[in-house]
PDB file of N, CA and C in Angstrom:
ATOM      1  N   UNK A   1      -3.773   1.802 -54.661  1.00  0.00           N
ATOM      2  CA  UNK A   1      -2.193   1.421 -53.916  1.00  0.00           C
ATOM      3  C   UNK A   1      -2.914   2.286 -52.473  1.00  0.00           C
ATOM      4  N   UNK A   2      -2.660   3.808 -52.680  1.00  0.00           N
ATOM      5  CA  UNK A   2      -2.933   5.224 -51.971  1.00  0.00           C
ATOM      6  C   UNK A   2      -3.910   4.847 -50.841  1.00  0.00           C
ATOM      7  N   UNK A   3      -4.631   3.751 -51.104  1.00  0.00           N
ATOM      8  CA  UNK A   3      -5.901   3.873 -49.661  1.00  0.00           C
ATOM      9  C   UNK A   3      -5.751   3.149 -48.987  1.00  0.00           C
ATOM     10  N   UNK A   4      -4.748   2.244 -50.196  1.00  0.00           N
ATOM     11  CA  UNK A   4      -4.547   0.778 -48.860  1.00  0.00           C
ATOM     12  C   UNK A   4      -3.059   1.489 -48.109  1.00  0.00           C
ATOM     13  N   UNK A   5      -2.538   2.169 -48.525  1.00  0.00           N
ATOM     14  CA  UNK A   5      -1.505   3.188 -47.759  1.00  0.00           C
ATOM     15  C   UNK A   5      -1.427   3.883 -46.480  1.00  0.00           C
ATOM     16  N   UNK A   6      -2.743   4.757 -46.505  1.00  0.00           N
ATOM     17  CA  UNK A   6      -3.314   5.877 -45.619  1.00  0.00           C
ATOM     18  C   UNK A   6      -4.317   4.973 -44.632  1.00  0.00           C
ATOM     19  N   UNK A   7      -4.525   3.594 -44.790  1.00  0.00           N
ATOM     20  CA  UNK A   7      -5.534   2.860 -44.466  1.00  0.00           C
ATOM     21  C   UNK A   7      -4.231   2.291 -43.055  1.00  0.00           C
ATOM     22  N   UNK A   8      -3.039   1.767 -44.095  1.00  0.00           N
ATOM     23  CA  UNK A   8      -1.803   0.855 -42.447  1.00  0.00           C
ATOM     24  C   UNK A   8      -1.823   2.066 -41.422  1.00  0.00           C
ATOM     25  N   UNK A   9      -1.359   3.306 -42.789  1.00  0.00           N
ATOM     26  CA  UNK A   9      -0.767   4.270 -41.765  1.00  0.00           C
ATOM     27  C   UNK A   9      -1.916   5.156 -40.679  1.00  0.00           C
ATOM     28  N   UNK A  10      -3.147   4.716 -40.662  1.00  0.00           N
ATOM     29  CA  UNK A  10      -4.661   5.360 -39.483  1.00  0.00           C
ATOM     30  C   UNK A  10      -3.926   4.162 -38.506  1.00  0.00           C
ATOM     31  N   UNK A  11      -3.396   3.231 -39.155  1.00  0.00           N
ATOM     32  CA  UNK A  11      -3.873   1.612 -37.640  1.00  0.00           C
ATOM     33  C   UNK A  11      -2.434   1.390 -36.893  1.00  0.00           C
ATOM     34  N   UNK A  12      -1.519   2.478 -37.472  1.00  0.00           N
ATOM     35  CA  UNK A  12       0.217   2.752 -37.429  1.00  0.00           C
ATOM     36  C   UNK A  12      -0.403   3.835 -35.901  1.00  0.00           C
ATOM     37  N   UNK A  13      -0.500   4.737 -36.463  1.00  0.00           N
ATOM     38  CA  UNK A  13      -0.815   5.614 -35.547  1.00  0.00           C
ATOM     39  C   UNK A  13      -1.919   5.326 -34.505  1.00  0.00           C
ATOM     40  N   UNK A  14      -2.582   4.681 -34.718  1.00  0.00           N
ATOM     41  CA  UNK A  14      -3.779   4.216 -33.571  1.00  0.00           C
ATOM     42  C   UNK A  14      -3.068   3.199 -32.275  1.00  0.00           C
ATOM     43  N   UNK A  15      -2.409   2.074 -33.143  1.00  0.00           N
ATOM     44  CA  UNK A  15      -1.573   1.418 -32.339  1.00  0.00           C
ATOM     45  C   UNK A  15      -0.331   1.995 -31.083  1.00  0.00           C
ATOM     46  N   UNK A  16       0.189   2.555 -31.746  1.00  0.00           N
ATOM     47  CA  UNK A  16       1.252   4.070 -31.189  1.00  0.00           C
ATOM     48  C   UNK A  16       0.311   3.807 -29.879  1.00  0.00           C
ATOM     49  N   UNK A  17      -0.318   5.049 -30.373  1.00  0.00           N
ATOM     50  CA  UNK A  17      -1.182   5.846 -29.161  1.00  0.00           C
ATOM     51  C   UNK A  17      -2.272   5.164 -28.314  1.00  0.00           C
ATOM     52  N   UNK A  18      -1.786   3.616 -28.735  1.00  0.00           N
ATOM     53  CA  UNK A  18      -2.345   2.427 -27.659  1.00  0.00           C
ATOM     54  C   UNK A  18      -1.160   2.101 -27.127  1.00  0.00           C
ATOM     55  N   UNK A  19      -0.054   2.247 -26.988  1.00  0.00           N
ATOM     56  CA  UNK A  19       1.150   1.635 -26.960  1.00  0.00           C
ATOM     57  C   UNK A  19       1.686   2.887 -25.441  1.00  0.00           C
ATOM     58  N   UNK A  20       1.183   3.872 -26.185  1.00  0.00           N
ATOM     59  CA  UNK A  20       1.817   4.825 -24.941  1.00  0.00           C
ATOM     60  C   UNK A  20       0.537   5.109 -24.284  1.00  0.00           C
ATOM     61  N   UNK A  21      -1.381   4.694 -24.039  1.00  0.00           N
ATOM     62  CA  UNK A  21      -1.414   4.373 -23.165  1.00  0.00           C
ATOM     63  C   UNK A  21      -1.308   3.629 -22.414  1.00  0.00           C
ATOM     64  N   UNK A  22      -1.025   2.432 -22.902  1.00  0.00           N
ATOM     65  CA  UNK A  22      -0.446   1.136 -22.065  1.00  0.00           C
ATOM     66  C   UNK A  22       0.597   0.690 -21.315  1.00  0.00           C
ATOM     67  N   UNK A  23       2.030   2.179 -22.034  1.00  0.00           N
ATOM     68  CA  UNK A  23       3.178   2.370 -20.937  1.00  0.00           C
ATOM     69  C   UNK A  23       2.523   3.406 -19.968  1.00  0.00           C
ATOM     70  N   UNK A  24       1.454   4.050 -20.241  1.00  0.00           N
ATOM     71  CA  UNK A  24       0.996   5.382 -19.089  1.00  0.00           C
ATOM     72  C   UNK A  24       0.422   4.427 -18.234  1.00  0.00           C
ATOM     73  N   UNK A  25       0.068   3.584 -18.484  1.00  0.00           N
ATOM     74  CA  UNK A  25      -0.710   2.595 -17.209  1.00  0.00           C
ATOM     75  C   UNK A  25       0.249   1.822 -16.108  1.00  0.00           C
ATOM     76  N   UNK A  26       1.057   0.899 -17.051  1.00  0.00           N
ATOM     77  CA  UNK A  26       2.317   0.553 -16.759  1.00  0.00           C
ATOM     78  C   UNK A  26       3.020   1.574 -15.294  1.00  0.00           C
ATOM     79  N   UNK A  27       3.312   2.446 -16.018  1.00  0.00           N
ATOM     80  CA  UNK A  27       4.154   2.807 -15.043  1.00  0.00           C
ATOM     81  C   UNK A  27       3.097   3.754 -13.797  1.00  0.00           C
ATOM     82  N   UNK A  28       1.621   4.043 -14.071  1.00  0.00           N
ATOM     83  CA  UNK A  28       1.019   4.209 -12.633  1.00  0.00           C
ATOM     84  C   UNK A  28       0.562   2.986 -12.118  1.00  0.00           C
ATOM     85  N   UNK A  29       0.744   1.746 -12.919  1.00  0.00           N
ATOM     86  CA  UNK A  29       1.146   0.706 -12.020  1.00  0.00           C
ATOM     87  C   UNK A  29       1.886   0.611 -11.157  1.00  0.00           C
ATOM     88  N   UNK A  30       3.009   0.765 -11.190  1.00  0.00           N
ATOM     89  CA  UNK A  30       4.124   0.765 -10.336  1.00  0.00           C
ATOM     90  C   UNK A  30       4.306   1.298  -9.653  1.00  0.00           C
ATOM     91  N   UNK A  31       4.020   3.063  -9.694  1.00  0.00           N
ATOM     92  CA  UNK A  31       3.685   3.911  -8.904  1.00  0.00           C
ATOM     93  C   UNK A  31       3.076   3.302  -7.057  1.00  0.00           C
ATOM     94  N   UNK A  32       2.003   2.757  -7.977  1.00  0.00           N
ATOM     95  CA  UNK A  32       0.377   2.699  -6.826  1.00  0.00           C
ATOM     96  C   UNK A  32       1.590   0.828  -6.575  1.00  0.00           C
ATOM     97  N   UNK A  33       1.607   0.388  -6.822  1.00  0.00           N
ATOM     98  CA  UNK A  33       2.519  -1.154  -6.398  1.00  0.00           C
ATOM     99  C   UNK A  33       3.581  -0.282  -5.695  1.00  0.00           C
ATOM    100  N   UNK A  34       4.284   0.497  -5.651  1.00  0.00           N
ATOM    101  CA  UNK A  34       5.170   1.060  -4.576  1.00  0.00           C
ATOM    102  C   UNK A  34       4.899   1.082  -3.539  1.00  0.00           C
ATOM    103  N   UNK A  35       3.804   2.572  -4.383  1.00  0.00           N
ATOM    104  CA  UNK A  35       2.882   3.432  -2.934  1.00  0.00           C
ATOM    105  C   UNK A  35       2.061   2.043  -1.868  1.00  0.00           C
ATOM    106  N   UNK A  36       1.690   1.106  -2.646  1.00  0.00           N
ATOM    107  CA  UNK A  36       1.250   0.527  -1.710  1.00  0.00           C
ATOM    108  C   UNK A  36       2.101  -1.237  -0.377  1.00  0.00           C
ATOM    109  N   UNK A  37       3.230  -1.004  -1.333  1.00  0.00           N
ATOM    110  CA  UNK A  37       3.945  -1.670  -0.708  1.00  0.00           C
ATOM    111  C   UNK A  37       4.597  -1.444   0.093  1.00  0.00           C
ATOM    112  N   UNK A  38       4.712   0.236   0.622  1.00  0.00           N
ATOM    113  CA  UNK A  38       5.535   0.894   1.494  1.00  0.00           C
ATOM    114  C   UNK A  38       4.595   1.185   2.622  1.00  0.00           C
ATOM    115  N   UNK A  39       3.763   1.426   2.150  1.00  0.00           N
ATOM    116  CA  UNK A  39       1.971   1.667   3.342  1.00  0.00           C
ATOM    117  C   UNK A  39       2.083  -0.193   3.907  1.00  0.00           C
ATOM    118  N   UNK A  40       2.491  -0.963   3.446  1.00  0.00           N
ATOM    119  CA  UNK A  40       2.367  -2.665   4.011  1.00  0.00           C
ATOM    120  C   UNK A  40       4.028  -2.550   4.551  1.00  0.00           C
ATOM    121  N   UNK A  41       4.994  -2.684   4.626  1.00  0.00           N
ATOM    122  CA  UNK A  41       5.932  -2.252   5.740  1.00  0.00           C
ATOM    123  C   UNK A  41       5.278  -1.255   6.554  1.00  0.00           C
ATOM    124  N   UNK A  42       5.170  -0.257   6.745  1.00  0.00           N
ATOM    125  CA  UNK A  42       4.557   0.917   7.621  1.00  0.00           C
ATOM    126  C   UNK A  42       4.119   0.096   7.947  1.00  0.00           C
ATOM    127  N   UNK A  43       2.702  -0.909   8.544  1.00  0.00           N
ATOM    128  CA  UNK A  43       1.766  -1.744   8.448  1.00  0.00           C
ATOM    129  C   UNK A  43       2.669  -2.414   8.915  1.00  0.00           C
ATOM    130  N   UNK A  44       2.916  -2.967   8.760  1.00  0.00           N
ATOM    131  CA  UNK A  44       4.381  -4.311   9.432  1.00  0.00           C
ATOM    132  C   UNK A  44       4.779  -4.078  10.817  1.00  0.00           C
ATOM    133  N   UNK A  45       6.051  -2.623  10.315  1.00  0.00           N
ATOM    134  CA  UNK A  45       6.669  -2.304  10.994  1.00  0.00           C
ATOM    135  C   UNK A  45       5.067  -1.676  12.715  1.00  0.00           C
ATOM    136  N   UNK A  46       4.050  -1.261  12.368  1.00  0.00           N
ATOM    137  CA  UNK A  46       3.199  -1.173  13.466  1.00  0.00           C
ATOM    138  C   UNK A  46       2.563  -2.744  14.153  1.00  0.00           C
ATOM    139  N   UNK A  47       2.491  -3.085  13.583  1.00  0.00           N
ATOM    140  CA  UNK A  47       1.971  -4.423  14.001  1.00  0.00           C
ATOM    141  C   UNK A  47       3.121  -4.889  14.362  1.00  0.00           C
ATOM    142  N   UNK A  48       4.623  -4.947  14.427  1.00  0.00           N
ATOM    143  CA  UNK A  48       5.496  -5.509  15.145  1.00  0.00           C
ATOM    144  C   UNK A  48       5.532  -4.815  16.444  1.00  0.00           C
ATOM    145  N   UNK A  49       5.380  -3.346  16.310  1.00  0.00           N
ATOM    146  CA  UNK A  49       5.242  -2.710  17.789  1.00  0.00           C
ATOM    147  C   UNK A  49       4.345  -2.886  18.264  1.00  0.00           C
ATOM    148  N   UNK A  50       3.007  -3.413  17.596  1.00  0.00           N
ATOM    149  CA  UNK A  50       1.874  -4.130  19.104  1.00  0.00           C
ATOM    150  C   UNK A  50       2.509  -5.050  19.354  1.00  0.00           C
ATOM    151  N   UNK A  51       2.669  -5.647  18.574  1.00  0.00           N
ATOM    152  CA  UNK A  51       3.180  -7.737  19.326  1.00  0.00           C
ATOM    153  C   UNK A  51       4.331  -7.179  20.816  1.00  0.00           C
ATOM    154  N   UNK A  52       5.288  -6.831  20.170  1.00  0.00           N
ATOM    155  CA  UNK A  52       6.100  -5.920  21.572  1.00  0.00           C
ATOM    156  C   UNK A  52       5.576  -5.748  22.038  1.00  0.00           C
ATOM    157  N   UNK A  53       4.848  -5.052  22.437  1.00  0.00           N
ATOM    158  CA  UNK A  53       3.827  -4.093  23.985  1.00  0.00           C
ATOM    159  C   UNK A  53       2.848  -5.054  24.278  1.00  0.00           C
ATOM    160  N   UNK A  54       2.608  -6.555  23.765  1.00  0.00           N
ATOM    161  CA  UNK A  54       1.672  -7.319  23.804  1.00  0.00           C
ATOM    162  C   UNK A  54       2.542  -7.982  24.659  1.00  0.00           C
ATOM    163  N   UNK A  55       3.868  -8.775  24.059  1.00  0.00           N
ATOM    164  CA  UNK A  55       5.019  -9.382  25.354  1.00  0.00           C
ATOM    165  C   UNK A  55       4.714  -8.980  26.470  1.00  0.00           C
ATOM    166  N   UNK A  56       5.888  -7.238  25.678  1.00  0.00           N
ATOM    167  CA  UNK A  56       6.246  -6.643  27.167  1.00  0.00           C
ATOM    168  C   UNK A  56       4.979  -6.824  28.813  1.00  0.00           C
ATOM    169  N   UNK A  57       3.757  -6.316  27.752  1.00  0.00           N
ATOM    170  CA  UNK A  57       2.670  -6.712  29.231  1.00  0.00           C
ATOM    171  C   UNK A  57       2.753  -8.205  29.675  1.00  0.00           C
ATOM    172  N   UNK A  58       3.264  -9.714  28.770  1.00  0.00           N
ATOM    173  CA  UNK A  58       2.983 -10.600  29.643  1.00  0.00           C
ATOM    174  C   UNK A  58       4.315 -10.618  30.512  1.00  0.00           C
ATOM    175  N   UNK A  59       5.292 -10.294  30.225  1.00  0.00           N
ATOM    176  CA  UNK A  59       6.316 -10.421  31.013  1.00  0.00           C
ATOM    177  C   UNK A  59       6.259  -9.013  32.032  1.00  0.00           C
ATOM    178  N   UNK A  60       5.276  -8.393  31.850  1.00  0.00           N
ATOM    179  CA  UNK A  60       5.556  -7.150  33.233  1.00  0.00           C
ATOM    180  C   UNK A  60       4.729  -8.071  34.611  1.00  0.00           C
ATOM    181  N   UNK A  61       5.344  -7.334  36.025  1.00  0.00           N
ATOM    182  CA  UNK A  61       4.855  -8.231  37.023  1.00  0.00           C
ATOM    183  C   UNK A  61       3.059  -7.083  37.141  1.00  0.00           C
ATOM    184  N   UNK A  62       2.209  -7.587  38.781  1.00  0.00           N
ATOM    185  CA  UNK A  62       1.157  -7.720  38.655  1.00  0.00           C
ATOM    186  C   UNK A  62       0.516  -5.759  38.563  1.00  0.00           C
ATOM    187  N   UNK A  63       2.184  -5.747  39.130  1.00  0.00           N
ATOM    188  CA  UNK A  63       1.690  -4.001  39.749  1.00  0.00           C
ATOM    189  C   UNK A  63       2.253  -2.704  38.318  1.00  0.00           C
ATOM    190  N   UNK A  64       3.489  -3.607  37.810  1.00  0.00           N
ATOM    191  CA  UNK A  64       3.187  -2.128  36.331  1.00  0.00           C
ATOM    192  C   UNK A  64       2.877  -2.926  35.234  1.00  0.00           C
ATOM    193  N   UNK A  65       2.218  -3.696  35.226  1.00  0.00           N
ATOM    194  CA  UNK A  65       1.335  -3.880  33.760  1.00  0.00           C
ATOM    195  C   UNK A  65       0.386  -2.546  33.279  1.00  0.00           C
ATOM    196  N   UNK A  66      -0.253  -2.291  33.948  1.00  0.00           N
ATOM    197  CA  UNK A  66      -0.875  -1.035  34.222  1.00  0.00           C
ATOM    198  C   UNK A  66      -0.555   0.280  33.650  1.00  0.00           C
ATOM    199  N   UNK A  67       0.842   0.238  33.899  1.00  0.00           N
ATOM    200  CA  UNK A  67       2.008   1.371  33.784  1.00  0.00           C
ATOM    201  C   UNK A  67       1.922   1.024  32.141  1.00  0.00           C
ATOM    202  N   UNK A  68       2.422   0.005  31.100  1.00  0.00           N
ATOM    203  CA  UNK A  68       2.599  -0.544  30.237  1.00  0.00           C
ATOM    204  C   UNK A  68       1.037  -0.475  29.646  1.00  0.00           C
ATOM    205  N   UNK A  69      -0.309  -0.432  30.247  1.00  0.00           N
ATOM    206  CA  UNK A  69      -1.345  -0.325  29.476  1.00  0.00           C
ATOM    207  C   UNK A  69      -1.838   0.820  28.872  1.00  0.00           C
ATOM    208  N   UNK A  70      -1.105   1.429  29.109  1.00  0.00           N
ATOM    209  CA  UNK A  70      -1.447   2.906  28.198  1.00  0.00           C
ATOM    210  C   UNK A  70      -0.936   2.979  26.584  1.00  0.00           C
ATOM    211  N   UNK A  71       0.660   2.102  26.752  1.00  0.00           N
ATOM    212  CA  UNK A  71       1.348   2.500  25.555  1.00  0.00           C
ATOM    213  C   UNK A  71       0.418   1.432  25.036  1.00  0.00           C
ATOM    214  N   UNK A  72       0.206   0.337  25.151  1.00  0.00           N
ATOM    215  CA  UNK A  72      -0.152  -0.050  24.602  1.00  0.00           C
ATOM    216  C   UNK A  72      -1.485   0.033  23.619  1.00  0.00           C
ATOM    217  N   UNK A  73      -2.650   0.397  24.785  1.00  0.00           N
ATOM    218  CA  UNK A  73      -3.458   0.973  23.906  1.00  0.00           C
ATOM    219  C   UNK A  73      -3.048   2.148  22.500  1.00  0.00           C
ATOM    220  N   UNK A  74      -2.001   2.651  22.684  1.00  0.00           N
ATOM    221  CA  UNK A  74      -1.565   3.717  22.049  1.00  0.00           C
ATOM    222  C   UNK A  74      -1.213   3.429  20.602  1.00  0.00           C
ATOM    223  N   UNK A  75      -0.531   2.260  20.779  1.00  0.00           N
ATOM    224  CA  UNK A  75       0.304   1.176  20.013  1.00  0.00           C
ATOM    225  C   UNK A  75      -1.516   1.032  19.016  1.00  0.00           C
ATOM    226  N   UNK A  76      -1.911   0.108  19.772  1.00  0.00           N
ATOM    227  CA  UNK A  76      -2.908  -0.146  19.371  1.00  0.00           C
ATOM    228  C   UNK A  76      -3.855   0.621  18.277  1.00  0.00           C
ATOM    229  N   UNK A  77      -3.855   1.746  18.822  1.00  0.00           N
ATOM    230  CA  UNK A  77      -4.804   2.994  17.864  1.00  0.00           C
ATOM    231  C   UNK A  77      -4.119   3.211  17.057  1.00  0.00           C
ATOM    232  N   UNK A  78      -2.717   3.619  16.940  1.00  0.00           N
ATOM    233  CA  UNK A  78      -2.103   3.319  15.355  1.00  0.00           C
ATOM    234  C   UNK A  78      -1.956   2.176  14.467  1.00  0.00           C
ATOM    235  N   UNK A  79      -2.156   1.182  15.323  1.00  0.00           N
ATOM    236  CA  UNK A  79      -2.367   0.486  14.206  1.00  0.00           C
ATOM    237  C   UNK A  79      -3.379   0.207  12.825  1.00  0.00           C
ATOM    238  N   UNK A  80      -4.618   0.507  13.815  1.00  0.00           N
ATOM    239  CA  UNK A  80      -5.830  -0.315  13.854  1.00  0.00           C
ATOM    240  C   UNK A  80      -5.986   1.089  12.782  1.00  0.00           C
ATOM    241  N   UNK A  81      -5.939   2.471  12.825  1.00  0.00           N
ATOM    242  CA  UNK A  81      -5.382   3.688  12.433  1.00  0.00           C
ATOM    243  C   UNK A  81      -5.173   3.039  10.385  1.00  0.00           C
ATOM    244  N   UNK A  82      -3.613   2.565  11.526  1.00  0.00           N
ATOM    245  CA  UNK A  82      -3.586   2.629   9.375  1.00  0.00           C
ATOM    246  C   UNK A  82      -3.814   1.357   8.779  1.00  0.00           C
ATOM    247  N   UNK A  83      -4.488   0.476   9.776  1.00  0.00           N
ATOM    248  CA  UNK A  83      -4.939  -0.634   8.510  1.00  0.00           C
ATOM    249  C   UNK A  83      -5.944  -0.312   8.209  1.00  0.00           C
ATOM    250  N   UNK A  84      -7.090   0.425   8.467  1.00  0.00           N
ATOM    251  CA  UNK A  84      -8.302   0.653   8.763  1.00  0.00           C
ATOM    252  C   UNK A  84      -8.373   1.384   6.832  1.00  0.00           C
ATOM    253  N   UNK A  85      -7.240   2.725   7.225  1.00  0.00           N
ATOM    254  CA  UNK A  85      -6.913   3.548   5.892  1.00  0.00           C
ATOM    255  C   UNK A  85      -6.276   2.514   5.068  1.00  0.00           C
ATOM    256  N   UNK A  86      -5.338   1.808   4.621  1.00  0.00           N
ATOM    257  CA  UNK A  86      -5.067   0.888   3.813  1.00  0.00           C
ATOM    258  C   UNK A  86      -6.079  -0.165   3.667  1.00  0.00           C
ATOM    259  N   UNK A  87      -7.429  -0.704   4.595  1.00  0.00           N
ATOM    260  CA  UNK A  87      -7.953  -1.466   3.318  1.00  0.00           C
ATOM    261  C   UNK A  87      -8.850  -0.578   2.414  1.00  0.00           C
ATOM    262  N   UNK A  88      -9.308   0.916   3.046  1.00  0.00           N
ATOM    263  CA  UNK A  88     -10.033   1.703   2.095  1.00  0.00           C
ATOM    264  C   UNK A  88      -9.237   2.075   0.924  1.00  0.00           C
ATOM    265  N   UNK A  89      -8.044   2.069   1.226  1.00  0.00           N
ATOM    266  CA  UNK A  89      -7.195   1.679   0.127  1.00  0.00           C
ATOM    267  C   UNK A  89      -7.011   1.214  -1.033  1.00  0.00           C
ATOM    268  N   UNK A  90      -7.403  -0.025  -0.817  1.00  0.00           N
ATOM    269  CA  UNK A  90      -7.799  -1.088  -1.378  1.00  0.00           C
ATOM    270  C   UNK A  90      -8.647  -1.588  -1.783  1.00  0.00           C
ATOM    271  N   UNK A  91      -9.393  -0.853  -1.871  1.00  0.00           N
ATOM    272  CA  UNK A  91     -10.888  -0.773  -2.376  1.00  0.00           C
ATOM    273  C   UNK A  91     -11.022  -0.736  -3.084  1.00  0.00           C
TER     274      UNK A  91
END
């Protein structure tokens, strides 16, 4: 009987260890998910800003659209960098 009890206790310790590892993985997954969601939210904001700039250029007169072009190029660059960073991190 003693061998059985020792064996069962060994199994319980092992399964408790696995449970702790699963808990750690769950916490890490939750943190990672929150980070990804925050990054995606930021990308959506940058995307919306870039779309707004396009609309501004479409509405601008022939004489003033050149002034908007620099702002668009800047917004485009920021969005592209953020998107590239997110894609690299998601791989």
